[in-house]
């Protein structure tokens, strides 16, 4: 089964050896890494939209070091709890990035004998290529989560981890009775990192839980603390966040003198 729909006519795509094709004959080649590009040119506002190589490389180094494993393990447990009785559940990650959370989740489901399928969509071609190289078990597409190239009701479980929330589109792609799992930053996530950079550090806004088409079930807080032992790792943590692009050069330079940093980390799973 393919999750994906044709971005031109929104009819279901069938996967062949080297391409995806819809009943109308629209065809999309599969890249050598295993992903497909389903982002129409009129929705590409830059040559390479989405997260760039520097941010993604920094994120991968932080994730590979296990700094956010606490969150990944909790996500896996929540999905396993919900999908344990499903015969062949379909999991979709809207804004999958370089694939860390989706890839680890698919491995966790398979380890429990759950024959799940998992797919990811992200607007960053660089991110999707990275995910495809490391996680060949995922079905991956370059596409916008605001207009997902995904069939109606394709997902038993839809994930959105630190990505924009698009309730109407999310409701379209989740099966009736399916689950939407959002991961949002807790108020004091990376607070001490902010203290090192900003004259007036601020807490993150607490997100609402009401989204059209969904019934709120619960909020699961996950809190921890990490210690970074080199300036390179501190710079990576900052670079992987949106703060990097919103911060003045003067403030970013404050990190240069730090050789170690301990900071709170926190997600809320909705």
C-alpha atoms as a PDB file:
ATOM      1  CA  UNK A   1       0.000   0.000   0.000  1.00  0.00           C
ATOM      2  CA  UNK A   2       1.199   3.507  -0.797  1.00  0.00           C
ATOM      3  CA  UNK A   3       0.254   6.429   1.418  1.00  0.00           C
ATOM      4  CA  UNK A   4       0.752   8.922  -1.359  1.00  0.00           C
ATOM      5  CA  UNK A   5      -1.602  10.728  -3.692  1.00  0.00           C
ATOM      6  CA  UNK A   6      -0.841  12.556  -6.906  1.00  0.00           C
ATOM      7  CA  UNK A   7      -0.153  16.235  -6.173  1.00  0.00           C
ATOM      8  CA  UNK A   8      -1.751  17.151  -9.520  1.00  0.00           C
ATOM      9  CA  UNK A   9      -5.108  15.336  -9.314  1.00  0.00           C
ATOM     10  CA  UNK A  10      -5.008  13.849  -5.763  1.00  0.00           C
ATOM     11  CA  UNK A  11      -5.812  10.355  -7.019  1.00  0.00           C
ATOM     12  CA  UNK A  12      -4.024   7.490  -5.305  1.00  0.00           C
ATOM     13  CA  UNK A  13      -0.483   6.774  -6.453  1.00  0.00           C
ATOM     14  CA  UNK A  14       0.702   3.226  -7.091  1.00  0.00           C
ATOM     15  CA  UNK A  15       4.346   2.451  -6.524  1.00  0.00           C
ATOM     16  CA  UNK A  16       6.255   0.678  -9.267  1.00  0.00           C
ATOM     17  CA  UNK A  17       9.927  -0.268  -9.301  1.00  0.00           C
ATOM     18  CA  UNK A  18      11.209   3.139 -10.391  1.00  0.00           C
ATOM     19  CA  UNK A  19       8.232   5.466 -10.182  1.00  0.00           C
ATOM     20  CA  UNK A  20       4.868   6.313  -8.702  1.00  0.00           C
ATOM     21  CA  UNK A  21       1.951   6.652 -11.118  1.00  0.00           C
ATOM     22  CA  UNK A  22      -1.700   7.671 -10.760  1.00  0.00           C
ATOM     23  CA  UNK A  23      -4.750   6.548 -12.809  1.00  0.00           C
ATOM     24  CA  UNK A  24      -4.519   9.792 -14.823  1.00  0.00           C
ATOM     25  CA  UNK A  25      -1.004   8.874 -15.923  1.00  0.00           C
ATOM     26  CA  UNK A  26       0.880  11.459 -13.875  1.00  0.00           C
ATOM     27  CA  UNK A  27       4.236   9.896 -13.108  1.00  0.00           C
ATOM     28  CA  UNK A  28       6.909  10.700 -10.492  1.00  0.00           C
ATOM     29  CA  UNK A  29      10.350   9.109 -10.500  1.00  0.00           C
ATOM     30  CA  UNK A  30      11.775   7.498  -7.373  1.00  0.00           C
ATOM     31  CA  UNK A  31      15.176   8.973  -6.520  1.00  0.00           C
ATOM     32  CA  UNK A  32      18.137   6.625  -6.146  1.00  0.00           C
ATOM     33  CA  UNK A  33      17.933   7.102  -2.351  1.00  0.00           C
ATOM     34  CA  UNK A  34      14.349   5.799  -2.395  1.00  0.00           C
ATOM     35  CA  UNK A  35      12.184   8.911  -1.926  1.00  0.00           C
ATOM     36  CA  UNK A  36       9.798  10.659  -4.333  1.00  0.00           C
ATOM     37  CA  UNK A  37       9.429  14.379  -5.039  1.00  0.00           C
ATOM     38  CA  UNK A  38       5.745  15.378  -4.819  1.00  0.00           C
ATOM     39  CA  UNK A  39       6.060  19.122  -4.286  1.00  0.00           C
ATOM     40  CA  UNK A  40       4.680  21.048  -7.292  1.00  0.00           C
ATOM     41  CA  UNK A  41       6.837  23.881  -8.583  1.00  0.00           C
ATOM     42  CA  UNK A  42       4.127  26.449  -7.808  1.00  0.00           C
ATOM     43  CA  UNK A  43       4.421  25.567  -4.108  1.00  0.00           C
ATOM     44  CA  UNK A  44       8.201  25.980  -4.017  1.00  0.00           C
ATOM     45  CA  UNK A  45       8.833  29.543  -2.923  1.00  0.00           C
ATOM     46  CA  UNK A  46      12.603  29.023  -2.954  1.00  0.00           C
ATOM     47  CA  UNK A  47      14.885  26.676  -4.866  1.00  0.00           C
ATOM     48  CA  UNK A  48      15.306  24.442  -1.814  1.00  0.00           C
ATOM     49  CA  UNK A  49      12.484  25.166   0.667  1.00  0.00           C
ATOM     50  CA  UNK A  50      12.514  23.938   4.253  1.00  0.00           C
ATOM     51  CA  UNK A  51      15.377  23.249   6.629  1.00  0.00           C
ATOM     52  CA  UNK A  52      18.836  23.558   5.123  1.00  0.00           C
ATOM     53  CA  UNK A  53      21.922  21.410   5.323  1.00  0.00           C
ATOM     54  CA  UNK A  54      23.601  23.219   8.224  1.00  0.00           C
ATOM     55  CA  UNK A  55      20.558  22.955  10.487  1.00  0.00           C
ATOM     56  CA  UNK A  56      19.900  19.334   9.543  1.00  0.00           C
ATOM     57  CA  UNK A  57      23.505  18.247  10.056  1.00  0.00           C
ATOM     58  CA  UNK A  58      23.520  19.873  13.508  1.00  0.00           C
ATOM     59  CA  UNK A  59      20.214  18.207  14.391  1.00  0.00           C
ATOM     60  CA  UNK A  60      21.459  14.799  13.329  1.00  0.00           C
ATOM     61  CA  UNK A  61      24.574  15.111  15.484  1.00  0.00           C
ATOM     62  CA  UNK A  62      22.490  16.070  18.533  1.00  0.00           C
ATOM     63  CA  UNK A  63      19.974  13.280  17.936  1.00  0.00           C
ATOM     64  CA  UNK A  64      22.683  10.692  17.247  1.00  0.00           C
ATOM     65  CA  UNK A  65      24.252  11.634  20.590  1.00  0.00           C
ATOM     66  CA  UNK A  66      20.982  10.572  22.259  1.00  0.00           C
ATOM     67  CA  UNK A  67      20.129  14.026  23.608  1.00  0.00           C
ATOM     68  CA  UNK A  68      16.437  13.709  22.699  1.00  0.00           C
ATOM     69  CA  UNK A  69      16.104   9.952  23.124  1.00  0.00           C
ATOM     70  CA  UNK A  70      13.883  10.554  26.171  1.00  0.00           C
ATOM     71  CA  UNK A  71      11.273  12.127  23.904  1.00  0.00           C
ATOM     72  CA  UNK A  72      11.594   9.473  21.216  1.00  0.00           C
ATOM     73  CA  UNK A  73      11.090   6.674  23.746  1.00  0.00           C
ATOM     74  CA  UNK A  74       7.954   8.325  25.123  1.00  0.00           C
ATOM     75  CA  UNK A  75       6.547   8.830  21.624  1.00  0.00           C
ATOM     76  CA  UNK A  76       7.184   5.151  20.873  1.00  0.00           C
ATOM     77  CA  UNK A  77       5.408   4.065  24.064  1.00  0.00           C
ATOM     78  CA  UNK A  78       2.353   6.222  23.336  1.00  0.00           C
ATOM     79  CA  UNK A  79       2.001   4.898  19.791  1.00  0.00           C
ATOM     80  CA  UNK A  80       2.586   1.297  20.879  1.00  0.00           C
ATOM     81  CA  UNK A  81      -0.141   1.674  23.500  1.00  0.00           C
ATOM     82  CA  UNK A  82      -2.611   2.860  20.868  1.00  0.00           C
ATOM     83  CA  UNK A  83      -1.678   0.541  17.999  1.00  0.00           C
ATOM     84  CA  UNK A  84      -0.990  -2.681  19.901  1.00  0.00           C
ATOM     85  CA  UNK A  85      -4.188  -4.325  18.650  1.00  0.00           C
ATOM     86  CA  UNK A  86      -3.957  -3.116  15.049  1.00  0.00           C
ATOM     87  CA  UNK A  87      -3.021  -5.771  12.492  1.00  0.00           C
ATOM     88  CA  UNK A  88      -1.143  -3.578  10.027  1.00  0.00           C
ATOM     89  CA  UNK A  89      -1.283   0.040  11.179  1.00  0.00           C
ATOM     90  CA  UNK A  90      -0.249   2.943   8.986  1.00  0.00           C
ATOM     91  CA  UNK A  91       1.803   5.720  10.606  1.00  0.00           C
ATOM     92  CA  UNK A  92       2.430   9.045   8.887  1.00  0.00           C
ATOM     93  CA  UNK A  93       4.848  11.756  10.053  1.00  0.00           C
ATOM     94  CA  UNK A  94       3.864  15.242   8.863  1.00  0.00           C
ATOM     95  CA  UNK A  95       7.137  17.163   8.828  1.00  0.00           C
ATOM     96  CA  UNK A  96       9.408  14.149   9.297  1.00  0.00           C
ATOM     97  CA  UNK A  97      12.704  16.005   8.937  1.00  0.00           C
ATOM     98  CA  UNK A  98      15.680  13.690   8.721  1.00  0.00           C
ATOM     99  CA  UNK A  99      13.610  10.777   9.988  1.00  0.00           C
ATOM    100  CA  UNK A 100      14.862  10.198  13.533  1.00  0.00           C
ATOM    101  CA  UNK A 101      11.515   9.908  15.320  1.00  0.00           C
ATOM    102  CA  UNK A 102       9.720   7.998  12.566  1.00  0.00           C
ATOM    103  CA  UNK A 103      12.618   5.628  11.975  1.00  0.00           C
ATOM    104  CA  UNK A 104      12.979   4.750  15.658  1.00  0.00           C
ATOM    105  CA  UNK A 105       9.204   4.350  15.985  1.00  0.00           C
ATOM    106  CA  UNK A 106       8.993   1.916  13.078  1.00  0.00           C
ATOM    107  CA  UNK A 107      11.799  -0.173  14.599  1.00  0.00           C
ATOM    108  CA  UNK A 108       9.999  -0.182  17.972  1.00  0.00           C
ATOM    109  CA  UNK A 109       6.715  -1.307  16.384  1.00  0.00           C
ATOM    110  CA  UNK A 110       8.423  -4.094  14.451  1.00  0.00           C
ATOM    111  CA  UNK A 111      10.280  -5.208  17.602  1.00  0.00           C
ATOM    112  CA  UNK A 112       6.870  -5.764  19.228  1.00  0.00           C
ATOM    113  CA  UNK A 113       5.671  -7.838  16.273  1.00  0.00           C
ATOM    114  CA  UNK A 114       3.442  -5.069  14.882  1.00  0.00           C
ATOM    115  CA  UNK A 115       3.623  -5.096  11.089  1.00  0.00           C
ATOM    116  CA  UNK A 116       3.319  -1.356  10.716  1.00  0.00           C
ATOM    117  CA  UNK A 117       3.939   0.751   7.662  1.00  0.00           C
ATOM    118  CA  UNK A 118       5.367   4.218   8.107  1.00  0.00           C
ATOM    119  CA  UNK A 119       5.740   7.215   5.836  1.00  0.00           C
ATOM    120  CA  UNK A 120       7.017  10.747   6.131  1.00  0.00           C
ATOM    121  CA  UNK A 121       6.438  14.006   4.303  1.00  0.00           C
ATOM    122  CA  UNK A 122       8.676  17.055   4.553  1.00  0.00           C
ATOM    123  CA  UNK A 123       9.118  20.144   2.406  1.00  0.00           C
ATOM    124  CA  UNK A 124      12.928  19.937   2.705  1.00  0.00           C
ATOM    125  CA  UNK A 125      14.444  17.805  -0.036  1.00  0.00           C
ATOM    126  CA  UNK A 126      17.711  17.694   1.908  1.00  0.00           C
ATOM    127  CA  UNK A 127      15.933  16.306   4.986  1.00  0.00           C
ATOM    128  CA  UNK A 128      13.989  13.697   3.029  1.00  0.00           C
ATOM    129  CA  UNK A 129      17.135  12.538   1.250  1.00  0.00           C
ATOM    130  CA  UNK A 130      18.893  12.152   4.612  1.00  0.00           C
ATOM    131  CA  UNK A 131      15.943  10.162   5.978  1.00  0.00           C
ATOM    132  CA  UNK A 132      15.819   7.889   2.943  1.00  0.00           C
ATOM    133  CA  UNK A 133      19.514   7.059   3.176  1.00  0.00           C
ATOM    134  CA  UNK A 134      19.334   6.058   6.834  1.00  0.00           C
ATOM    135  CA  UNK A 135      15.808   4.613   7.132  1.00  0.00           C
ATOM    136  CA  UNK A 136      15.039   2.570   3.992  1.00  0.00           C
ATOM    137  CA  UNK A 137      11.941   1.087   5.663  1.00  0.00           C
ATOM    138  CA  UNK A 138      10.146   4.428   5.492  1.00  0.00           C
ATOM    139  CA  UNK A 139       8.092   5.588   2.499  1.00  0.00           C
ATOM    140  CA  UNK A 140       9.194   9.189   2.001  1.00  0.00           C
ATOM    141  CA  UNK A 141       8.113  12.141  -0.074  1.00  0.00           C
ATOM    142  CA  UNK A 142       9.104  15.744  -0.526  1.00  0.00           C
ATOM    143  CA  UNK A 143       5.861  17.635  -0.058  1.00  0.00           C
ATOM    144  CA  UNK A 144       4.092  20.377   1.864  1.00  0.00           C
ATOM    145  CA  UNK A 145       2.210  19.450   5.024  1.00  0.00           C
ATOM    146  CA  UNK A 146      -0.221  22.267   4.184  1.00  0.00           C
ATOM    147  CA  UNK A 147      -1.218  20.348   1.031  1.00  0.00           C
ATOM    148  CA  UNK A 148      -0.055  16.813   1.735  1.00  0.00           C
ATOM    149  CA  UNK A 149       0.333  14.464  -1.227  1.00  0.00           C
ATOM    150  CA  UNK A 150      -1.411  11.812   0.875  1.00  0.00           C
ATOM    151  CA  UNK A 151      -4.669   9.923   0.293  1.00  0.00           C
ATOM    152  CA  UNK A 152      -7.733  10.677   2.426  1.00  0.00           C
ATOM    153  CA  UNK A 153      -7.872   8.520   5.552  1.00  0.00           C
ATOM    154  CA  UNK A 154      -4.464   6.974   4.897  1.00  0.00           C
ATOM    155  CA  UNK A 155      -3.141   7.068   8.468  1.00  0.00           C
ATOM    156  CA  UNK A 156      -4.126   5.203  11.627  1.00  0.00           C
ATOM    157  CA  UNK A 157      -1.698   7.470  13.453  1.00  0.00           C
ATOM    158  CA  UNK A 158      -0.439  10.884  12.375  1.00  0.00           C
ATOM    159  CA  UNK A 159       2.636  12.377  14.045  1.00  0.00           C
ATOM    160  CA  UNK A 160       3.624  16.033  14.150  1.00  0.00           C
ATOM    161  CA  UNK A 161       6.864  16.608  16.067  1.00  0.00           C
ATOM    162  CA  UNK A 162       7.929  20.262  16.375  1.00  0.00           C
ATOM    163  CA  UNK A 163       6.214  20.959  13.043  1.00  0.00           C
ATOM    164  CA  UNK A 164       3.433  23.350  11.999  1.00  0.00           C
ATOM    165  CA  UNK A 165      -0.053  22.123  12.949  1.00  0.00           C
ATOM    166  CA  UNK A 166      -2.591  22.066  10.103  1.00  0.00           C
ATOM    167  CA  UNK A 167      -5.835  20.739  11.653  1.00  0.00           C
ATOM    168  CA  UNK A 168      -7.990  20.589   8.513  1.00  0.00           C
ATOM    169  CA  UNK A 169      -5.343  18.768   6.494  1.00  0.00           C
ATOM    170  CA  UNK A 170      -4.502  16.476   9.416  1.00  0.00           C
ATOM    171  CA  UNK A 171      -8.183  15.545   9.809  1.00  0.00           C
ATOM    172  CA  UNK A 172      -8.357  14.700   6.108  1.00  0.00           C
ATOM    173  CA  UNK A 173      -5.509  12.170   6.154  1.00  0.00           C
ATOM    174  CA  UNK A 174      -6.334  10.437   9.480  1.00  0.00           C
ATOM    175  CA  UNK A 175      -8.803   7.553   9.397  1.00  0.00           C
ATOM    176  CA  UNK A 176     -12.011   7.932  11.430  1.00  0.00           C
ATOM    177  CA  UNK A 177     -11.072   6.707  14.898  1.00  0.00           C
ATOM    178  CA  UNK A 178      -7.388   7.266  14.220  1.00  0.00           C
ATOM    179  CA  UNK A 179      -4.921   9.156  16.397  1.00  0.00           C
ATOM    180  CA  UNK A 180      -3.161  12.497  16.017  1.00  0.00           C
ATOM    181  CA  UNK A 181      -0.067  12.793  18.218  1.00  0.00           C
ATOM    182  CA  UNK A 182       1.463  16.246  18.504  1.00  0.00           C
ATOM    183  CA  UNK A 183       4.784  17.041  20.158  1.00  0.00           C
ATOM    184  CA  UNK A 184       5.172  20.670  21.208  1.00  0.00           C
ATOM    185  CA  UNK A 185       7.887  22.447  23.149  1.00  0.00           C
ATOM    186  CA  UNK A 186       7.246  22.742  26.871  1.00  0.00           C
ATOM    187  CA  UNK A 187       7.438  26.234  28.415  1.00  0.00           C
ATOM    188  CA  UNK A 188      11.032  25.823  29.689  1.00  0.00           C
ATOM    189  CA  UNK A 189      12.441  23.720  26.851  1.00  0.00           C
ATOM    190  CA  UNK A 190      16.082  24.814  26.349  1.00  0.00           C
ATOM    191  CA  UNK A 191      15.589  27.669  28.828  1.00  0.00           C
ATOM    192  CA  UNK A 192      19.209  27.754  30.004  1.00  0.00           C
ATOM    193  CA  UNK A 193      20.393  27.850  26.382  1.00  0.00           C
ATOM    194  CA  UNK A 194      18.205  30.931  25.924  1.00  0.00           C
ATOM    195  CA  UNK A 195      19.658  32.444  29.107  1.00  0.00           C
ATOM    196  CA  UNK A 196      23.117  32.109  27.592  1.00  0.00           C
ATOM    197  CA  UNK A 197      22.040  33.997  24.462  1.00  0.00           C
ATOM    198  CA  UNK A 198      19.309  36.489  25.296  1.00  0.00           C
ATOM    199  CA  UNK A 199      19.252  39.416  27.693  1.00  0.00           C
ATOM    200  CA  UNK A 200      15.592  38.596  28.371  1.00  0.00           C
ATOM    201  CA  UNK A 201      15.004  34.845  27.970  1.00  0.00           C
ATOM    202  CA  UNK A 202      11.379  33.834  27.603  1.00  0.00           C
ATOM    203  CA  UNK A 203       9.300  30.717  28.151  1.00  0.00           C
ATOM    204  CA  UNK A 204       7.541  29.031  25.234  1.00  0.00           C
ATOM    205  CA  UNK A 205       3.819  29.530  24.820  1.00  0.00           C
ATOM    206  CA  UNK A 206       1.634  26.676  26.043  1.00  0.00           C
ATOM    207  CA  UNK A 207      -0.284  25.338  23.057  1.00  0.00           C
ATOM    208  CA  UNK A 208      -4.034  24.879  22.974  1.00  0.00           C
ATOM    209  CA  UNK A 209      -5.435  21.353  22.678  1.00  0.00           C
ATOM    210  CA  UNK A 210      -8.608  22.041  20.684  1.00  0.00           C
ATOM    211  CA  UNK A 211      -8.382  21.217  16.981  1.00  0.00           C
ATOM    212  CA  UNK A 212     -11.386  20.841  14.618  1.00  0.00           C
ATOM    213  CA  UNK A 213     -12.013  17.225  13.688  1.00  0.00           C
ATOM    214  CA  UNK A 214     -10.278  15.795  16.760  1.00  0.00           C
ATOM    215  CA  UNK A 215     -11.259  15.095  20.364  1.00  0.00           C
ATOM    216  CA  UNK A 216      -8.561  15.846  22.922  1.00  0.00           C
ATOM    217  CA  UNK A 217      -7.514  12.766  24.931  1.00  0.00           C
ATOM    218  CA  UNK A 218      -4.601  13.746  27.160  1.00  0.00           C
ATOM    219  CA  UNK A 219      -1.419  15.761  27.607  1.00  0.00           C
ATOM    220  CA  UNK A 220       1.719  13.790  28.470  1.00  0.00           C
ATOM    221  CA  UNK A 221       4.588  15.955  29.754  1.00  0.00           C
ATOM    222  CA  UNK A 222       8.168  14.754  29.297  1.00  0.00           C
ATOM    223  CA  UNK A 223      10.896  16.646  31.127  1.00  0.00           C
ATOM    224  CA  UNK A 224      14.617  16.149  31.432  1.00  0.00           C
ATOM    225  CA  UNK A 225      18.018  17.783  31.532  1.00  0.00           C
ATOM    226  CA  UNK A 226      21.007  17.471  29.258  1.00  0.00           C
ATOM    227  CA  UNK A 227      24.620  18.529  29.660  1.00  0.00           C
ATOM    228  CA  UNK A 228      26.659  19.476  26.611  1.00  0.00           C
ATOM    229  CA  UNK A 229      30.387  18.994  27.062  1.00  0.00           C
ATOM    230  CA  UNK A 230      31.852  21.022  24.195  1.00  0.00           C
ATOM    231  CA  UNK A 231      31.303  24.288  22.409  1.00  0.00           C
ATOM    232  CA  UNK A 232      30.695  22.382  19.198  1.00  0.00           C
ATOM    233  CA  UNK A 233      27.775  20.533  20.762  1.00  0.00           C
ATOM    234  CA  UNK A 234      26.369  23.775  22.215  1.00  0.00           C
ATOM    235  CA  UNK A 235      26.565  25.373  18.788  1.00  0.00           C
ATOM    236  CA  UNK A 236      24.851  22.329  17.238  1.00  0.00           C
ATOM    237  CA  UNK A 237      21.982  22.495  19.724  1.00  0.00           C
ATOM    238  CA  UNK A 238      21.425  26.171  18.988  1.00  0.00           C
ATOM    239  CA  UNK A 239      21.792  25.720  15.223  1.00  0.00           C
ATOM    240  CA  UNK A 240      19.127  22.991  15.094  1.00  0.00           C
ATOM    241  CA  UNK A 241      16.526  25.325  16.605  1.00  0.00           C
ATOM    242  CA  UNK A 242      14.537  28.138  14.959  1.00  0.00           C
ATOM    243  CA  UNK A 243      16.275  30.527  17.376  1.00  0.00           C
ATOM    244  CA  UNK A 244      19.414  30.329  15.226  1.00  0.00           C
ATOM    245  CA  UNK A 245      17.762  32.175  12.342  1.00  0.00           C
ATOM    246  CA  UNK A 246      15.902  34.674  14.548  1.00  0.00           C
ATOM    247  CA  UNK A 247      18.842  35.782  16.671  1.00  0.00           C
ATOM    248  CA  UNK A 248      21.245  38.638  16.018  1.00  0.00           C
ATOM    249  CA  UNK A 249      24.883  37.953  15.287  1.00  0.00           C
ATOM    250  CA  UNK A 250      25.803  39.775  18.519  1.00  0.00           C
ATOM    251  CA  UNK A 251      23.646  37.449  20.607  1.00  0.00           C
ATOM    252  CA  UNK A 252      24.784  34.311  18.778  1.00  0.00           C
ATOM    253  CA  UNK A 253      28.389  35.232  19.494  1.00  0.00           C
ATOM    254  CA  UNK A 254      27.723  34.905  23.238  1.00  0.00           C
ATOM    255  CA  UNK A 255      27.867  31.116  22.818  1.00  0.00           C
ATOM    256  CA  UNK A 256      31.453  31.186  21.568  1.00  0.00           C
ATOM    257  CA  UNK A 257      32.939  31.386  25.073  1.00  0.00           C
ATOM    258  CA  UNK A 258      31.001  28.424  26.483  1.00  0.00           C
ATOM    259  CA  UNK A 259      32.709  25.044  26.861  1.00  0.00           C
ATOM    260  CA  UNK A 260      29.843  23.305  28.685  1.00  0.00           C
ATOM    261  CA  UNK A 261      26.137  23.899  29.260  1.00  0.00           C
ATOM    262  CA  UNK A 262      23.377  22.183  31.217  1.00  0.00           C
ATOM    263  CA  UNK A 263      19.833  22.948  30.114  1.00  0.00           C
ATOM    264  CA  UNK A 264      16.298  21.803  30.724  1.00  0.00           C
ATOM    265  CA  UNK A 265      14.534  19.994  27.888  1.00  0.00           C
ATOM    266  CA  UNK A 266      10.815  19.382  27.656  1.00  0.00           C
ATOM    267  CA  UNK A 267       8.085  18.214  25.300  1.00  0.00           C
ATOM    268  CA  UNK A 268       4.366  17.948  25.798  1.00  0.00           C
ATOM    269  CA  UNK A 269       2.719  15.166  23.811  1.00  0.00           C
ATOM    270  CA  UNK A 270      -0.908  15.935  22.968  1.00  0.00           C
END
